Protein backbone atom coordinates (compact mmCIF):
# COMPACT_ATOMS: atom_id res chain seq x y z
CA UNK A 1 0.00 0.00 0.00
CA UNK A 2 2.95 2.35 0.56
CA UNK A 3 4.14 1.85 -3.01
CA UNK A 4 0.66 2.44 -4.35
CA UNK A 5 0.28 5.71 -2.45
CA UNK A 6 3.64 6.97 -3.59
CA UNK A 7 2.94 5.93 -7.15
CA UNK A 8 -0.41 7.69 -7.01
CA UNK A 9 1.24 10.85 -5.82
CA UNK A 10 3.92 10.84 -8.53
CA UNK A 11 1.86 9.53 -11.44
CA UNK A 12 0.38 12.90 -12.56
CA UNK A 13 3.80 14.46 -12.64
CA UNK A 14 5.09 11.69 -14.87
CA UNK A 15 2.09 12.04 -17.23
CA UNK A 16 2.46 15.73 -17.52
CA UNK A 17 6.14 15.37 -18.23
CA UNK A 18 5.55 12.88 -21.03
CA UNK A 19 2.80 15.03 -22.65
CA UNK A 20 4.73 18.35 -22.58
CA UNK A 21 6.79 19.32 -25.65
CA UNK A 22 10.52 18.90 -25.28
CA UNK A 23 10.22 16.13 -22.69
CA UNK A 24 13.29 14.53 -21.23
CA UNK A 25 14.14 10.87 -21.83
CA UNK A 26 12.16 8.22 -20.13
CA UNK A 27 15.08 7.27 -17.92
CA UNK A 28 15.16 10.69 -16.32
CA UNK A 29 11.44 10.58 -15.70
CA UNK A 30 11.82 7.31 -13.88
CA UNK A 31 14.70 8.76 -11.91
CA UNK A 32 12.62 11.67 -10.73
CA UNK A 33 9.77 9.33 -9.86
CA UNK A 34 12.14 7.16 -7.82
CA UNK A 35 13.35 10.25 -5.98
CA UNK A 36 9.79 11.23 -5.17
CA UNK A 37 9.12 7.67 -4.02
CA UNK A 38 12.13 7.79 -1.67
CA UNK A 39 10.96 11.12 -0.30
CA UNK A 40 7.55 9.69 0.45
CA UNK A 41 9.15 6.81 2.33
CA UNK A 42 11.41 9.17 4.23
CA UNK A 43 8.64 11.46 5.31
CA UNK A 44 5.97 8.73 5.92
CA UNK A 45 5.28 7.01 9.29
CA UNK A 46 6.91 3.78 10.41
CA UNK A 47 4.97 0.95 8.68
CA UNK A 48 3.81 -0.87 11.82
CA UNK A 49 2.47 2.46 13.16
CA UNK A 50 0.75 3.43 9.95
CA UNK A 51 -3.02 3.47 10.55
CA UNK A 52 -3.73 2.46 6.98
CA UNK A 53 -1.98 -0.93 7.57
CA UNK A 54 -3.84 -1.82 10.76
CA UNK A 55 -6.46 -4.04 9.08
CA UNK A 56 -3.86 -6.11 7.26
CA UNK A 57 -1.73 -6.34 10.41
CA UNK A 58 -4.72 -7.52 12.43
CA UNK A 59 -5.60 -10.02 9.72
CA UNK A 60 -2.10 -11.51 9.63
CA UNK A 61 -2.03 -11.46 13.44
CA UNK A 62 -5.24 -13.48 13.58
CA UNK A 63 -3.98 -15.87 10.91
CA UNK A 64 -0.61 -16.31 12.64
CA UNK A 65 -2.22 -16.75 16.05
CA UNK A 66 -4.66 -19.29 14.62
CA UNK A 67 -1.90 -21.25 12.95
CA UNK A 68 0.18 -21.15 16.12
CA UNK A 69 -2.84 -22.25 18.17
CA UNK A 70 -3.51 -25.15 15.81
CA UNK A 71 0.16 -26.10 15.91
CA UNK A 72 0.11 -26.05 19.72
CA UNK A 73 -3.15 -27.99 19.94
CA UNK A 74 -2.41 -30.60 17.29
CA UNK A 75 1.35 -31.12 17.63
CA UNK A 76 3.08 -29.57 20.62
CA UNK A 77 0.49 -30.15 23.36
CA UNK A 78 -0.05 -33.87 22.52
CA UNK A 79 3.70 -34.43 22.41
CA UNK A 80 4.22 -32.64 25.70
CA UNK A 81 1.32 -34.55 27.23
CA UNK A 82 2.73 -37.84 25.98
CA UNK A 83 6.18 -37.00 27.34
CA UNK A 84 4.74 -35.94 30.71
CA UNK A 85 2.59 -39.09 30.89
CA UNK A 86 5.59 -41.29 30.06
CA UNK A 87 7.68 -39.56 32.71
CA UNK A 88 4.84 -39.87 35.21
CA UNK A 89 4.53 -43.60 34.47
CA UNK A 90 8.29 -44.04 34.72
CA UNK A 91 8.41 -42.18 38.03
CA UNK A 92 5.51 -44.30 39.32
CA UNK A 93 7.32 -47.47 38.22
CA UNK A 94 10.52 -46.27 39.89
CA UNK A 95 8.61 -45.52 43.09
CA UNK A 96 6.98 -48.95 43.00
CA UNK A 97 10.35 -50.57 42.39
CA UNK A 98 11.87 -48.58 45.25
CA UNK A 99 9.01 -49.59 47.56
CA UNK A 100 9.38 -53.24 46.57
CA UNK A 101 13.14 -53.09 47.07
CA UNK A 102 12.67 -51.46 50.47
CA UNK A 103 10.16 -54.15 51.47
CA UNK A 104 12.58 -56.87 50.36
CA UNK A 105 15.42 -55.20 52.24
CA UNK A 106 13.29 -54.91 55.39
CA UNK A 107 12.32 -58.58 55.09
CA UNK A 108 15.97 -59.56 54.61
CA UNK A 109 16.99 -57.51 57.66
CA UNK A 110 14.21 -59.08 59.74
CA UNK A 111 15.25 -62.56 58.61
CA UNK A 112 18.88 -61.81 59.42
CA UNK A 113 18.02 -60.48 62.87
CA UNK A 114 15.81 -63.51 63.56
CA UNK A 115 18.52 -65.93 62.45
CA UNK A 116 21.09 -64.01 64.49
CA UNK A 117 18.86 -64.22 67.58
CA UNK A 118 18.36 -67.96 66.99
CA UNK A 119 22.11 -68.44 66.58
CA UNK A 120 22.78 -66.53 69.80
CA UNK A 121 20.17 -68.60 71.63
CA UNK A 122 21.69 -71.83 70.31
CA UNK A 123 25.17 -70.65 71.22
CA UNK A 124 23.97 -69.80 74.73
CA UNK A 125 22.31 -73.22 75.08
CA UNK A 126 25.45 -74.96 73.81
CA UNK A 127 27.59 -72.94 76.20
CA UNK A 128 25.31 -73.72 79.13
CA UNK A 129 25.33 -77.43 78.23
CA UNK A 130 29.11 -77.35 77.96
CA UNK A 131 29.39 -75.63 81.34
CA UNK A 132 27.09 -78.16 82.98
CA UNK A 133 29.02 -81.04 81.39
CA UNK A 134 32.30 -79.50 82.53
CA UNK A 135 30.93 -79.09 86.07
CA UNK A 136 29.67 -82.67 86.13
CA UNK A 137 32.98 -84.00 84.82
CA UNK A 138 34.93 -81.86 87.29
CA UNK A 139 32.76 -83.13 90.16
CA UNK A 140 33.22 -86.74 89.03
CA UNK A 141 36.97 -86.27 88.66
CA UNK A 142 37.14 -84.64 92.07
CA UNK A 143 35.20 -87.49 93.68
CA UNK A 144 37.46 -90.06 92.02
CA UNK A 145 40.58 -88.19 93.12
CA UNK A 146 39.26 -87.85 96.67
CA UNK A 147 38.41 -91.56 96.77
CA UNK A 148 41.85 -92.42 95.46
CA UNK A 149 43.47 -90.09 97.98
CA UNK A 150 41.37 -91.64 100.75
CA UNK A 151 42.52 -95.09 99.77
CA UNK A 152 46.13 -93.93 99.61
CA UNK A 153 45.74 -92.21 102.99
CA UNK A 154 44.36 -95.38 104.56
CA UNK A 155 47.16 -97.40 103.05
CA UNK A 156 49.69 -94.88 104.32
CA UNK A 157 48.17 -94.93 107.81
CA UNK A 158 48.26 -98.71 107.81
CA UNK A 159 51.85 -98.65 106.66
CA UNK A 160 52.72 -96.08 109.31
CA UNK A 161 51.07 -98.28 111.95
CA UNK A 162 53.09 -101.25 110.81
CA UNK A 163 56.31 -99.22 110.81
CA UNK A 164 55.45 -97.88 114.23
CA UNK A 165 54.77 -101.34 115.59
CA UNK A 166 58.01 -102.59 114.12
CA UNK A 167 59.83 -99.62 115.59
CA UNK A 168 58.36 -100.21 119.04
CA UNK A 169 59.27 -103.86 118.81
CA UNK A 170 62.81 -103.02 117.84
CA UNK A 171 63.00 -100.38 120.56
CA UNK A 172 62.04 -103.02 123.19
CA UNK A 173 64.67 -105.42 121.93
CA UNK A 174 67.28 -102.67 121.84
CA UNK A 175 66.29 -101.59 125.35
CA UNK A 176 66.56 -105.15 126.63
CA UNK A 177 70.01 -105.55 125.08
CA UNK A 178 71.13 -102.20 126.44
CA UNK A 179 69.78 -102.98 129.92
CA UNK A 180 71.48 -106.39 129.89
CA UNK A 181 74.81 -104.77 128.92
CA UNK A 182 74.44 -102.13 131.62
CA UNK A 183 73.62 -104.73 134.29
CA UNK A 184 76.60 -106.75 133.23
CA UNK A 185 78.83 -103.74 133.58
CA UNK A 186 77.38 -102.73 136.93
CA UNK A 187 77.16 -106.04 138.79
CA UNK A 188 79.62 -108.06 136.78
CA UNK A 189 77.16 -110.83 136.08
CA UNK A 190 74.37 -111.33 133.53
CA UNK A 191 70.77 -110.88 134.59
CA UNK A 192 68.09 -113.23 133.44
CA UNK A 193 66.13 -112.39 130.30
CA UNK A 194 62.81 -112.34 132.17
CA UNK A 195 64.08 -109.85 134.72
CA UNK A 196 65.39 -107.57 131.97
CA UNK A 197 62.08 -107.74 130.03
CA UNK A 198 60.14 -106.96 133.21
CA UNK A 199 62.41 -104.04 134.01
CA UNK A 200 62.15 -102.66 130.45
CA UNK A 201 58.38 -103.07 130.45
CA UNK A 202 58.12 -101.26 133.79
CA UNK A 203 60.33 -98.42 132.56
CA UNK A 204 58.69 -98.02 129.13
CA UNK A 205 55.80 -95.50 128.95
CA UNK A 206 52.31 -96.86 128.73
CA UNK A 207 50.42 -96.28 125.42
CA UNK A 208 47.38 -94.11 125.68
C-alpha atoms as a PDB file:
ATOM      1  CA  UNK A   1       0.000   0.000   0.000  1.00  0.00           C
ATOM      2  CA  UNK A   2       2.952   2.347   0.559  1.00  0.00           C
ATOM      3  CA  UNK A   3       4.140   1.847  -3.007  1.00  0.00           C
ATOM      4  CA  UNK A   4       0.663   2.435  -4.351  1.00  0.00           C
ATOM      5  CA  UNK A   5       0.279   5.711  -2.448  1.00  0.00           C
ATOM      6  CA  UNK A   6       3.638   6.968  -3.592  1.00  0.00           C
ATOM      7  CA  UNK A   7       2.944   5.933  -7.149  1.00  0.00           C
ATOM      8  CA  UNK A   8      -0.409   7.691  -7.011  1.00  0.00           C
ATOM      9  CA  UNK A   9       1.243  10.849  -5.816  1.00  0.00           C
ATOM     10  CA  UNK A  10       3.919  10.840  -8.526  1.00  0.00           C
ATOM     11  CA  UNK A  11       1.863   9.527 -11.440  1.00  0.00           C
ATOM     12  CA  UNK A  12       0.383  12.904 -12.561  1.00  0.00           C
ATOM     13  CA  UNK A  13       3.796  14.458 -12.639  1.00  0.00           C
ATOM     14  CA  UNK A  14       5.091  11.692 -14.875  1.00  0.00           C
ATOM     15  CA  UNK A  15       2.085  12.041 -17.227  1.00  0.00           C
ATOM     16  CA  UNK A  16       2.456  15.731 -17.517  1.00  0.00           C
ATOM     17  CA  UNK A  17       6.138  15.368 -18.227  1.00  0.00           C
ATOM     18  CA  UNK A  18       5.548  12.881 -21.028  1.00  0.00           C
ATOM     19  CA  UNK A  19       2.802  15.028 -22.655  1.00  0.00           C
ATOM     20  CA  UNK A  20       4.731  18.352 -22.577  1.00  0.00           C
ATOM     21  CA  UNK A  21       6.793  19.317 -25.651  1.00  0.00           C
ATOM     22  CA  UNK A  22      10.521  18.901 -25.283  1.00  0.00           C
ATOM     23  CA  UNK A  23      10.216  16.130 -22.689  1.00  0.00           C
ATOM     24  CA  UNK A  24      13.289  14.532 -21.228  1.00  0.00           C
ATOM     25  CA  UNK A  25      14.140  10.874 -21.833  1.00  0.00           C
ATOM     26  CA  UNK A  26      12.160   8.221 -20.133  1.00  0.00           C
ATOM     27  CA  UNK A  27      15.079   7.265 -17.920  1.00  0.00           C
ATOM     28  CA  UNK A  28      15.158  10.694 -16.323  1.00  0.00           C
ATOM     29  CA  UNK A  29      11.440  10.583 -15.704  1.00  0.00           C
ATOM     30  CA  UNK A  30      11.823   7.314 -13.882  1.00  0.00           C
ATOM     31  CA  UNK A  31      14.699   8.763 -11.914  1.00  0.00           C
ATOM     32  CA  UNK A  32      12.615  11.669 -10.732  1.00  0.00           C
ATOM     33  CA  UNK A  33       9.767   9.330  -9.863  1.00  0.00           C
ATOM     34  CA  UNK A  34      12.144   7.161  -7.819  1.00  0.00           C
ATOM     35  CA  UNK A  35      13.355  10.255  -5.980  1.00  0.00           C
ATOM     36  CA  UNK A  36       9.792  11.233  -5.171  1.00  0.00           C
ATOM     37  CA  UNK A  37       9.119   7.673  -4.023  1.00  0.00           C
ATOM     38  CA  UNK A  38      12.128   7.792  -1.670  1.00  0.00           C
ATOM     39  CA  UNK A  39      10.956  11.121  -0.298  1.00  0.00           C
ATOM     40  CA  UNK A  40       7.546   9.686   0.450  1.00  0.00           C
ATOM     41  CA  UNK A  41       9.151   6.808   2.327  1.00  0.00           C
ATOM     42  CA  UNK A  42      11.407   9.167   4.230  1.00  0.00           C
ATOM     43  CA  UNK A  43       8.637  11.456   5.310  1.00  0.00           C
ATOM     44  CA  UNK A  44       5.970   8.728   5.916  1.00  0.00           C
ATOM     45  CA  UNK A  45       5.283   7.014   9.295  1.00  0.00           C
ATOM     46  CA  UNK A  46       6.911   3.781  10.415  1.00  0.00           C
ATOM     47  CA  UNK A  47       4.967   0.952   8.676  1.00  0.00           C
ATOM     48  CA  UNK A  48       3.808  -0.872  11.817  1.00  0.00           C
ATOM     49  CA  UNK A  49       2.470   2.457  13.162  1.00  0.00           C
ATOM     50  CA  UNK A  50       0.746   3.429   9.948  1.00  0.00           C
ATOM     51  CA  UNK A  51      -3.021   3.465  10.550  1.00  0.00           C
ATOM     52  CA  UNK A  52      -3.731   2.458   6.982  1.00  0.00           C
ATOM     53  CA  UNK A  53      -1.978  -0.929   7.569  1.00  0.00           C
ATOM     54  CA  UNK A  54      -3.835  -1.824  10.762  1.00  0.00           C
ATOM     55  CA  UNK A  55      -6.459  -4.042   9.084  1.00  0.00           C
ATOM     56  CA  UNK A  56      -3.857  -6.111   7.258  1.00  0.00           C
ATOM     57  CA  UNK A  57      -1.730  -6.343  10.408  1.00  0.00           C
ATOM     58  CA  UNK A  58      -4.723  -7.517  12.429  1.00  0.00           C
ATOM     59  CA  UNK A  59      -5.600 -10.016   9.716  1.00  0.00           C
ATOM     60  CA  UNK A  60      -2.102 -11.506   9.629  1.00  0.00           C
ATOM     61  CA  UNK A  61      -2.027 -11.465  13.443  1.00  0.00           C
ATOM     62  CA  UNK A  62      -5.243 -13.479  13.583  1.00  0.00           C
ATOM     63  CA  UNK A  63      -3.982 -15.870  10.909  1.00  0.00           C
ATOM     64  CA  UNK A  64      -0.611 -16.309  12.641  1.00  0.00           C
ATOM     65  CA  UNK A  65      -2.224 -16.755  16.053  1.00  0.00           C
ATOM     66  CA  UNK A  66      -4.662 -19.286  14.620  1.00  0.00           C
ATOM     67  CA  UNK A  67      -1.905 -21.254  12.949  1.00  0.00           C
ATOM     68  CA  UNK A  68       0.179 -21.151  16.123  1.00  0.00           C
ATOM     69  CA  UNK A  69      -2.841 -22.246  18.172  1.00  0.00           C
ATOM     70  CA  UNK A  70      -3.505 -25.152  15.805  1.00  0.00           C
ATOM     71  CA  UNK A  71       0.162 -26.096  15.913  1.00  0.00           C
ATOM     72  CA  UNK A  72       0.108 -26.047  19.716  1.00  0.00           C
ATOM     73  CA  UNK A  73      -3.150 -27.987  19.936  1.00  0.00           C
ATOM     74  CA  UNK A  74      -2.405 -30.602  17.291  1.00  0.00           C
ATOM     75  CA  UNK A  75       1.346 -31.117  17.634  1.00  0.00           C
ATOM     76  CA  UNK A  76       3.082 -29.565  20.621  1.00  0.00           C
ATOM     77  CA  UNK A  77       0.495 -30.148  23.357  1.00  0.00           C
ATOM     78  CA  UNK A  78      -0.047 -33.870  22.520  1.00  0.00           C
ATOM     79  CA  UNK A  79       3.696 -34.431  22.406  1.00  0.00           C
ATOM     80  CA  UNK A  80       4.223 -32.640  25.698  1.00  0.00           C
ATOM     81  CA  UNK A  81       1.315 -34.555  27.233  1.00  0.00           C
ATOM     82  CA  UNK A  82       2.729 -37.844  25.984  1.00  0.00           C
ATOM     83  CA  UNK A  83       6.178 -36.995  27.342  1.00  0.00           C
ATOM     84  CA  UNK A  84       4.741 -35.938  30.707  1.00  0.00           C
ATOM     85  CA  UNK A  85       2.590 -39.090  30.887  1.00  0.00           C
ATOM     86  CA  UNK A  86       5.590 -41.291  30.058  1.00  0.00           C
ATOM     87  CA  UNK A  87       7.677 -39.561  32.706  1.00  0.00           C
ATOM     88  CA  UNK A  88       4.839 -39.872  35.211  1.00  0.00           C
ATOM     89  CA  UNK A  89       4.526 -43.599  34.467  1.00  0.00           C
ATOM     90  CA  UNK A  90       8.289 -44.044  34.717  1.00  0.00           C
ATOM     91  CA  UNK A  91       8.406 -42.181  38.028  1.00  0.00           C
ATOM     92  CA  UNK A  92       5.506 -44.300  39.319  1.00  0.00           C
ATOM     93  CA  UNK A  93       7.317 -47.474  38.222  1.00  0.00           C
ATOM     94  CA  UNK A  94      10.522 -46.269  39.887  1.00  0.00           C
ATOM     95  CA  UNK A  95       8.612 -45.516  43.089  1.00  0.00           C
ATOM     96  CA  UNK A  96       6.976 -48.953  43.004  1.00  0.00           C
ATOM     97  CA  UNK A  97      10.353 -50.572  42.389  1.00  0.00           C
ATOM     98  CA  UNK A  98      11.870 -48.581  45.248  1.00  0.00           C
ATOM     99  CA  UNK A  99       9.007 -49.587  47.559  1.00  0.00           C
ATOM    100  CA  UNK A 100       9.378 -53.243  46.570  1.00  0.00           C
ATOM    101  CA  UNK A 101      13.141 -53.089  47.066  1.00  0.00           C
ATOM    102  CA  UNK A 102      12.667 -51.462  50.466  1.00  0.00           C
ATOM    103  CA  UNK A 103      10.163 -54.148  51.472  1.00  0.00           C
ATOM    104  CA  UNK A 104      12.576 -56.870  50.355  1.00  0.00           C
ATOM    105  CA  UNK A 105      15.421 -55.200  52.241  1.00  0.00           C
ATOM    106  CA  UNK A 106      13.286 -54.913  55.393  1.00  0.00           C
ATOM    107  CA  UNK A 107      12.322 -58.581  55.086  1.00  0.00           C
ATOM    108  CA  UNK A 108      15.965 -59.563  54.613  1.00  0.00           C
ATOM    109  CA  UNK A 109      16.992 -57.512  57.664  1.00  0.00           C
ATOM    110  CA  UNK A 110      14.209 -59.075  59.742  1.00  0.00           C
ATOM    111  CA  UNK A 111      15.255 -62.561  58.613  1.00  0.00           C
ATOM    112  CA  UNK A 112      18.878 -61.809  59.424  1.00  0.00           C
ATOM    113  CA  UNK A 113      18.022 -60.482  62.871  1.00  0.00           C
ATOM    114  CA  UNK A 114      15.815 -63.512  63.561  1.00  0.00           C
ATOM    115  CA  UNK A 115      18.524 -65.927  62.446  1.00  0.00           C
ATOM    116  CA  UNK A 116      21.089 -64.007  64.494  1.00  0.00           C
ATOM    117  CA  UNK A 117      18.859 -64.224  67.579  1.00  0.00           C
ATOM    118  CA  UNK A 118      18.363 -67.961  66.995  1.00  0.00           C
ATOM    119  CA  UNK A 119      22.115 -68.439  66.584  1.00  0.00           C
ATOM    120  CA  UNK A 120      22.778 -66.528  69.801  1.00  0.00           C
ATOM    121  CA  UNK A 121      20.168 -68.601  71.629  1.00  0.00           C
ATOM    122  CA  UNK A 122      21.693 -71.827  70.305  1.00  0.00           C
ATOM    123  CA  UNK A 123      25.171 -70.645  71.219  1.00  0.00           C
ATOM    124  CA  UNK A 124      23.967 -69.802  74.733  1.00  0.00           C
ATOM    125  CA  UNK A 125      22.314 -73.216  75.085  1.00  0.00           C
ATOM    126  CA  UNK A 126      25.449 -74.961  73.809  1.00  0.00           C
ATOM    127  CA  UNK A 127      27.595 -72.943  76.204  1.00  0.00           C
ATOM    128  CA  UNK A 128      25.314 -73.720  79.126  1.00  0.00           C
ATOM    129  CA  UNK A 129      25.329 -77.425  78.233  1.00  0.00           C
ATOM    130  CA  UNK A 130      29.113 -77.353  77.960  1.00  0.00           C
ATOM    131  CA  UNK A 131      29.391 -75.625  81.337  1.00  0.00           C
ATOM    132  CA  UNK A 132      27.089 -78.161  82.979  1.00  0.00           C
ATOM    133  CA  UNK A 133      29.019 -81.038  81.386  1.00  0.00           C
ATOM    134  CA  UNK A 134      32.297 -79.503  82.533  1.00  0.00           C
ATOM    135  CA  UNK A 135      30.932 -79.094  86.065  1.00  0.00           C
ATOM    136  CA  UNK A 136      29.674 -82.671  86.133  1.00  0.00           C
ATOM    137  CA  UNK A 137      32.984 -83.995  84.822  1.00  0.00           C
ATOM    138  CA  UNK A 138      34.926 -81.860  87.293  1.00  0.00           C
ATOM    139  CA  UNK A 139      32.759 -83.133  90.160  1.00  0.00           C
ATOM    140  CA  UNK A 140      33.217 -86.743  89.031  1.00  0.00           C
ATOM    141  CA  UNK A 141      36.974 -86.268  88.658  1.00  0.00           C
ATOM    142  CA  UNK A 142      37.139 -84.642  92.073  1.00  0.00           C
ATOM    143  CA  UNK A 143      35.199 -87.492  93.678  1.00  0.00           C
ATOM    144  CA  UNK A 144      37.456 -90.055  92.017  1.00  0.00           C
ATOM    145  CA  UNK A 145      40.581 -88.186  93.119  1.00  0.00           C
ATOM    146  CA  UNK A 146      39.262 -87.851  96.666  1.00  0.00           C
ATOM    147  CA  UNK A 147      38.412 -91.558  96.766  1.00  0.00           C
ATOM    148  CA  UNK A 148      41.847 -92.420  95.458  1.00  0.00           C
ATOM    149  CA  UNK A 149      43.469 -90.094  97.985  1.00  0.00           C
ATOM    150  CA  UNK A 150      41.369 -91.644 100.753  1.00  0.00           C
ATOM    151  CA  UNK A 151      42.519 -95.089  99.769  1.00  0.00           C
ATOM    152  CA  UNK A 152      46.129 -93.930  99.613  1.00  0.00           C
ATOM    153  CA  UNK A 153      45.737 -92.206 102.989  1.00  0.00           C
ATOM    154  CA  UNK A 154      44.356 -95.380 104.556  1.00  0.00           C
ATOM    155  CA  UNK A 155      47.157 -97.405 103.051  1.00  0.00           C
ATOM    156  CA  UNK A 156      49.689 -94.876 104.323  1.00  0.00           C
ATOM    157  CA  UNK A 157      48.172 -94.929 107.811  1.00  0.00           C
ATOM    158  CA  UNK A 158      48.265 -98.714 107.810  1.00  0.00           C
ATOM    159  CA  UNK A 159      51.852 -98.645 106.659  1.00  0.00           C
ATOM    160  CA  UNK A 160      52.720 -96.077 109.312  1.00  0.00           C
ATOM    161  CA  UNK A 161      51.074 -98.279 111.951  1.00  0.00           C
ATOM    162  CA  UNK A 162      53.094-101.249 110.808  1.00  0.00           C
ATOM    163  CA  UNK A 163      56.309 -99.221 110.807  1.00  0.00           C
ATOM    164  CA  UNK A 164      55.453 -97.880 114.229  1.00  0.00           C
ATOM    165  CA  UNK A 165      54.773-101.337 115.592  1.00  0.00           C
ATOM    166  CA  UNK A 166      58.010-102.588 114.120  1.00  0.00           C
ATOM    167  CA  UNK A 167      59.833 -99.616 115.589  1.00  0.00           C
ATOM    168  CA  UNK A 168      58.356-100.208 119.041  1.00  0.00           C
ATOM    169  CA  UNK A 169      59.266-103.862 118.807  1.00  0.00           C
ATOM    170  CA  UNK A 170      62.807-103.023 117.839  1.00  0.00           C
ATOM    171  CA  UNK A 171      62.996-100.378 120.561  1.00  0.00           C
ATOM    172  CA  UNK A 172      62.042-103.015 123.187  1.00  0.00           C
ATOM    173  CA  UNK A 173      64.673-105.416 121.934  1.00  0.00           C
ATOM    174  CA  UNK A 174      67.280-102.666 121.842  1.00  0.00           C
ATOM    175  CA  UNK A 175      66.286-101.591 125.346  1.00  0.00           C
ATOM    176  CA  UNK A 176      66.564-105.152 126.628  1.00  0.00           C
ATOM    177  CA  UNK A 177      70.006-105.553 125.083  1.00  0.00           C
ATOM    178  CA  UNK A 178      71.125-102.201 126.441  1.00  0.00           C
ATOM    179  CA  UNK A 179      69.781-102.983 129.921  1.00  0.00           C
ATOM    180  CA  UNK A 180      71.485-106.394 129.890  1.00  0.00           C
ATOM    181  CA  UNK A 181      74.806-104.774 128.921  1.00  0.00           C
ATOM    182  CA  UNK A 182      74.444-102.126 131.615  1.00  0.00           C
ATOM    183  CA  UNK A 183      73.625-104.725 134.286  1.00  0.00           C
ATOM    184  CA  UNK A 184      76.604-106.747 133.225  1.00  0.00           C
ATOM    185  CA  UNK A 185      78.834-103.738 133.585  1.00  0.00           C
ATOM    186  CA  UNK A 186      77.382-102.728 136.929  1.00  0.00           C
ATOM    187  CA  UNK A 187      77.162-106.040 138.792  1.00  0.00           C
ATOM    188  CA  UNK A 188      79.616-108.058 136.782  1.00  0.00           C
ATOM    189  CA  UNK A 189      77.163-110.835 136.075  1.00  0.00           C
ATOM    190  CA  UNK A 190      74.369-111.326 133.529  1.00  0.00           C
ATOM    191  CA  UNK A 191      70.772-110.882 134.587  1.00  0.00           C
ATOM    192  CA  UNK A 192      68.089-113.230 133.439  1.00  0.00           C
ATOM    193  CA  UNK A 193      66.125-112.392 130.301  1.00  0.00           C
ATOM    194  CA  UNK A 194      62.809-112.345 132.175  1.00  0.00           C
ATOM    195  CA  UNK A 195      64.079-109.854 134.715  1.00  0.00           C
ATOM    196  CA  UNK A 196      65.391-107.573 131.971  1.00  0.00           C
ATOM    197  CA  UNK A 197      62.076-107.740 130.034  1.00  0.00           C
ATOM    198  CA  UNK A 198      60.141-106.958 133.206  1.00  0.00           C
ATOM    199  CA  UNK A 199      62.410-104.044 134.012  1.00  0.00           C
ATOM    200  CA  UNK A 200      62.154-102.658 130.453  1.00  0.00           C
ATOM    201  CA  UNK A 201      58.377-103.070 130.451  1.00  0.00           C
ATOM    202  CA  UNK A 202      58.123-101.261 133.786  1.00  0.00           C
ATOM    203  CA  UNK A 203      60.327 -98.420 132.564  1.00  0.00           C
ATOM    204  CA  UNK A 204      58.686 -98.016 129.131  1.00  0.00           C
ATOM    205  CA  UNK A 205      55.795 -95.497 128.954  1.00  0.00           C
ATOM    206  CA  UNK A 206      52.305 -96.856 128.726  1.00  0.00           C
ATOM    207  CA  UNK A 207      50.421 -96.277 125.420  1.00  0.00           C
ATOM    208  CA  UNK A 208      47.375 -94.114 125.681  1.00  0.00           C
END
